[in-house]
Amino acid sequence: MKKFIITMASALVLAGCVSPDQRIANCTAKGVSYDTCYLSEQLRQQSINNASLSAAYANAASAKEKASKHAHHN
C-alpha cells in the first residue's frame, strides 16, 4: 500500500510539471475543440482544489479530535 501511495504521489507531481496552457495545447493537438479542452482543464483544477480542501478538513477534524482527547487527560 505504501508503494502505491508513493507511486501515485510521484505521478501527481510529474503531472503538475505541465502548465495548463500546455495541457490545453496537447488536447487541441488531438483534434478536440478548444472549448472542450479548456473545460476539461477547469474541471481538473477544480478537482485538485476539492481534494486539497477535503484533506484540509480531514486534517482539521483529526487535530480537533486529538486536542479534545488530550483535554480529557489533563
N, C-alpha and C. Protein backbone atom coordinates (compact mmCIF):
# COMPACT_ATOMS: atom_id res chain seq x y z
N MET A 1 0.83 -1.19 0.00
CA MET A 1 0.00 0.00 0.00
C MET A 1 0.87 1.25 0.00
N LYS A 2 1.93 1.23 0.79
CA LYS A 2 2.81 2.39 0.87
C LYS A 2 3.45 2.67 -0.49
N LYS A 3 3.83 1.59 -1.18
CA LYS A 3 4.44 1.74 -2.50
C LYS A 3 3.45 2.37 -3.48
N PHE A 4 2.18 1.97 -3.39
CA PHE A 4 1.13 2.53 -4.25
C PHE A 4 0.98 4.03 -4.01
N ILE A 5 0.96 4.43 -2.75
CA ILE A 5 0.80 5.85 -2.41
C ILE A 5 1.99 6.66 -2.94
N ILE A 6 3.18 6.13 -2.79
CA ILE A 6 4.38 6.82 -3.28
C ILE A 6 4.33 6.95 -4.80
N THR A 7 3.88 5.89 -5.47
CA THR A 7 3.77 5.92 -6.92
C THR A 7 2.75 6.95 -7.37
N MET A 8 1.60 6.99 -6.70
CA MET A 8 0.56 7.95 -7.06
C MET A 8 1.04 9.39 -6.80
N ALA A 9 1.71 9.60 -5.69
CA ALA A 9 2.22 10.94 -5.38
C ALA A 9 3.24 11.38 -6.43
N SER A 10 4.09 10.46 -6.85
CA SER A 10 5.07 10.78 -7.88
C SER A 10 4.39 11.14 -9.20
N ALA A 11 3.36 10.39 -9.55
CA ALA A 11 2.63 10.66 -10.78
C ALA A 11 1.97 12.04 -10.73
N LEU A 12 1.40 12.39 -9.58
CA LEU A 12 0.76 13.69 -9.44
C LEU A 12 1.77 14.82 -9.54
N VAL A 13 2.93 14.62 -8.94
CA VAL A 13 3.97 15.65 -9.00
C VAL A 13 4.44 15.83 -10.44
N LEU A 14 4.66 14.73 -11.13
CA LEU A 14 5.11 14.83 -12.52
C LEU A 14 4.03 15.42 -13.42
N ALA A 15 2.78 15.11 -13.15
CA ALA A 15 1.69 15.66 -13.95
C ALA A 15 1.59 17.16 -13.75
N GLY A 16 2.01 17.63 -12.60
CA GLY A 16 1.96 19.06 -12.31
C GLY A 16 3.05 19.85 -13.01
N CYS A 17 3.99 19.16 -13.66
CA CYS A 17 5.10 19.84 -14.33
C CYS A 17 4.68 20.45 -15.67
N VAL A 18 3.49 20.11 -16.14
CA VAL A 18 3.00 20.64 -17.40
C VAL A 18 2.02 21.77 -17.08
N SER A 19 2.19 22.90 -17.75
CA SER A 19 1.33 24.04 -17.48
C SER A 19 -0.07 23.79 -18.04
N PRO A 20 -1.06 24.49 -17.49
CA PRO A 20 -2.42 24.36 -18.03
C PRO A 20 -2.48 24.68 -19.53
N ASP A 21 -1.72 25.69 -19.96
CA ASP A 21 -1.70 26.04 -21.38
C ASP A 21 -1.16 24.89 -22.22
N GLN A 22 -0.13 24.22 -21.70
CA GLN A 22 0.45 23.09 -22.43
C GLN A 22 -0.53 21.92 -22.49
N ARG A 23 -1.25 21.66 -21.39
CA ARG A 23 -2.24 20.57 -21.40
C ARG A 23 -3.34 20.88 -22.41
N ILE A 24 -3.78 22.14 -22.47
CA ILE A 24 -4.81 22.53 -23.44
C ILE A 24 -4.27 22.38 -24.86
N ALA A 25 -3.02 22.79 -25.09
CA ALA A 25 -2.41 22.65 -26.42
C ALA A 25 -2.32 21.18 -26.82
N ASN A 26 -1.91 20.33 -25.88
CA ASN A 26 -1.82 18.90 -26.16
C ASN A 26 -3.20 18.33 -26.50
N CYS A 27 -4.20 18.79 -25.80
CA CYS A 27 -5.57 18.34 -26.02
C CYS A 27 -6.07 18.76 -27.40
N THR A 28 -5.87 20.04 -27.74
CA THR A 28 -6.35 20.52 -29.05
C THR A 28 -5.57 19.89 -30.19
N ALA A 29 -4.30 19.52 -29.93
CA ALA A 29 -3.50 18.86 -30.96
C ALA A 29 -4.08 17.49 -31.32
N LYS A 30 -4.88 16.93 -30.43
CA LYS A 30 -5.52 15.63 -30.70
C LYS A 30 -6.83 15.80 -31.46
N GLY A 31 -7.17 17.04 -31.78
CA GLY A 31 -8.37 17.30 -32.56
C GLY A 31 -9.60 17.64 -31.74
N VAL A 32 -9.42 17.82 -30.43
CA VAL A 32 -10.53 18.18 -29.55
C VAL A 32 -10.68 19.70 -29.59
N SER A 33 -11.91 20.19 -29.53
CA SER A 33 -12.14 21.63 -29.60
C SER A 33 -11.51 22.33 -28.39
N TYR A 34 -11.14 23.59 -28.62
CA TYR A 34 -10.52 24.38 -27.55
C TYR A 34 -11.46 24.49 -26.35
N ASP A 35 -12.74 24.73 -26.62
CA ASP A 35 -13.71 24.88 -25.52
C ASP A 35 -13.77 23.64 -24.65
N THR A 36 -13.76 22.47 -25.28
CA THR A 36 -13.80 21.22 -24.53
C THR A 36 -12.52 21.03 -23.73
N CYS A 37 -11.39 21.33 -24.34
CA CYS A 37 -10.10 21.20 -23.64
C CYS A 37 -10.02 22.17 -22.47
N TYR A 38 -10.51 23.39 -22.68
CA TYR A 38 -10.50 24.40 -21.62
C TYR A 38 -11.38 23.95 -20.46
N LEU A 39 -12.57 23.46 -20.78
CA LEU A 39 -13.47 22.98 -19.74
C LEU A 39 -12.86 21.80 -18.98
N SER A 40 -12.22 20.91 -19.71
CA SER A 40 -11.55 19.77 -19.07
C SER A 40 -10.47 20.24 -18.10
N GLU A 41 -9.71 21.24 -18.50
CA GLU A 41 -8.66 21.79 -17.63
C GLU A 41 -9.26 22.45 -16.39
N GLN A 42 -10.35 23.17 -16.58
CA GLN A 42 -11.01 23.81 -15.44
C GLN A 42 -11.52 22.75 -14.46
N LEU A 43 -12.10 21.69 -14.98
CA LEU A 43 -12.59 20.61 -14.12
C LEU A 43 -11.43 19.91 -13.41
N ARG A 44 -10.31 19.76 -14.10
CA ARG A 44 -9.12 19.15 -13.48
C ARG A 44 -8.64 20.00 -12.31
N GLN A 45 -8.54 21.30 -12.53
CA GLN A 45 -8.09 22.19 -11.46
C GLN A 45 -9.08 22.21 -10.30
N GLN A 46 -10.37 22.18 -10.61
CA GLN A 46 -11.38 22.17 -9.56
C GLN A 46 -11.31 20.89 -8.74
N SER A 47 -11.07 19.76 -9.40
CA SER A 47 -10.97 18.50 -8.66
C SER A 47 -9.76 18.49 -7.74
N ILE A 48 -8.66 19.09 -8.19
CA ILE A 48 -7.47 19.19 -7.33
C ILE A 48 -7.77 20.08 -6.13
N ASN A 49 -8.44 21.20 -6.37
CA ASN A 49 -8.82 22.09 -5.27
C ASN A 49 -9.76 21.40 -4.28
N ASN A 50 -10.72 20.64 -4.81
CA ASN A 50 -11.65 19.92 -3.94
C ASN A 50 -10.94 18.88 -3.09
N ALA A 51 -9.99 18.16 -3.70
CA ALA A 51 -9.23 17.16 -2.95
C ALA A 51 -8.39 17.81 -1.86
N SER A 52 -7.80 18.95 -2.18
CA SER A 52 -7.00 19.68 -1.19
C SER A 52 -7.87 20.16 -0.03
N LEU A 53 -9.04 20.67 -0.37
CA LEU A 53 -9.96 21.16 0.65
C LEU A 53 -10.45 20.02 1.54
N SER A 54 -10.77 18.89 0.93
CA SER A 54 -11.20 17.71 1.71
C SER A 54 -10.10 17.26 2.66
N ALA A 55 -8.87 17.25 2.17
CA ALA A 55 -7.74 16.85 3.01
C ALA A 55 -7.55 17.83 4.16
N ALA A 56 -7.71 19.12 3.87
CA ALA A 56 -7.57 20.13 4.92
C ALA A 56 -8.65 19.95 6.00
N TYR A 57 -9.89 19.70 5.57
CA TYR A 57 -10.97 19.47 6.53
C TYR A 57 -10.70 18.22 7.37
N ALA A 58 -10.22 17.16 6.71
CA ALA A 58 -9.92 15.93 7.43
C ALA A 58 -8.81 16.16 8.44
N ASN A 59 -7.79 16.91 8.05
CA ASN A 59 -6.69 17.21 8.97
C ASN A 59 -7.17 18.05 10.15
N ALA A 60 -8.03 19.01 9.87
CA ALA A 60 -8.55 19.87 10.94
C ALA A 60 -9.42 19.05 11.90
N ALA A 61 -10.24 18.17 11.36
CA ALA A 61 -11.08 17.33 12.21
C ALA A 61 -10.23 16.41 13.06
N SER A 62 -9.19 15.85 12.48
CA SER A 62 -8.29 14.97 13.21
C SER A 62 -7.56 15.74 14.32
N ALA A 63 -7.11 16.94 14.01
CA ALA A 63 -6.42 17.75 15.01
C ALA A 63 -7.36 18.11 16.15
N LYS A 64 -8.60 18.44 15.81
CA LYS A 64 -9.58 18.79 16.83
C LYS A 64 -9.88 17.59 17.72
N GLU A 65 -10.00 16.41 17.09
CA GLU A 65 -10.27 15.19 17.85
C GLU A 65 -9.11 14.88 18.80
N LYS A 66 -7.88 15.02 18.31
CA LYS A 66 -6.71 14.77 19.16
C LYS A 66 -6.64 15.78 20.29
N ALA A 67 -6.97 17.04 19.99
CA ALA A 67 -6.93 18.08 21.03
C ALA A 67 -7.98 17.80 22.11
N SER A 68 -9.15 17.34 21.71
CA SER A 68 -10.18 17.08 22.72
C SER A 68 -9.84 15.84 23.55
N LYS A 69 -9.16 14.87 22.95
CA LYS A 69 -8.71 13.68 23.72
C LYS A 69 -7.68 14.08 24.76
N HIS A 70 -6.77 14.99 24.35
CA HIS A 70 -5.73 15.45 25.27
C HIS A 70 -6.34 16.30 26.39
N ALA A 71 -7.38 17.02 26.10
CA ALA A 71 -8.03 17.86 27.11
C ALA A 71 -8.65 17.00 28.20
N HIS A 72 -9.14 15.83 27.87
CA HIS A 72 -9.75 14.94 28.84
C HIS A 72 -8.71 14.30 29.76
N HIS A 73 -7.47 14.25 29.30
CA HIS A 73 -6.40 13.64 30.09
C HIS A 73 -5.79 14.60 31.09
N ASN A 74 -6.05 15.87 30.97
CA ASN A 74 -5.45 16.87 31.87
C ASN A 74 -6.16 16.91 33.19
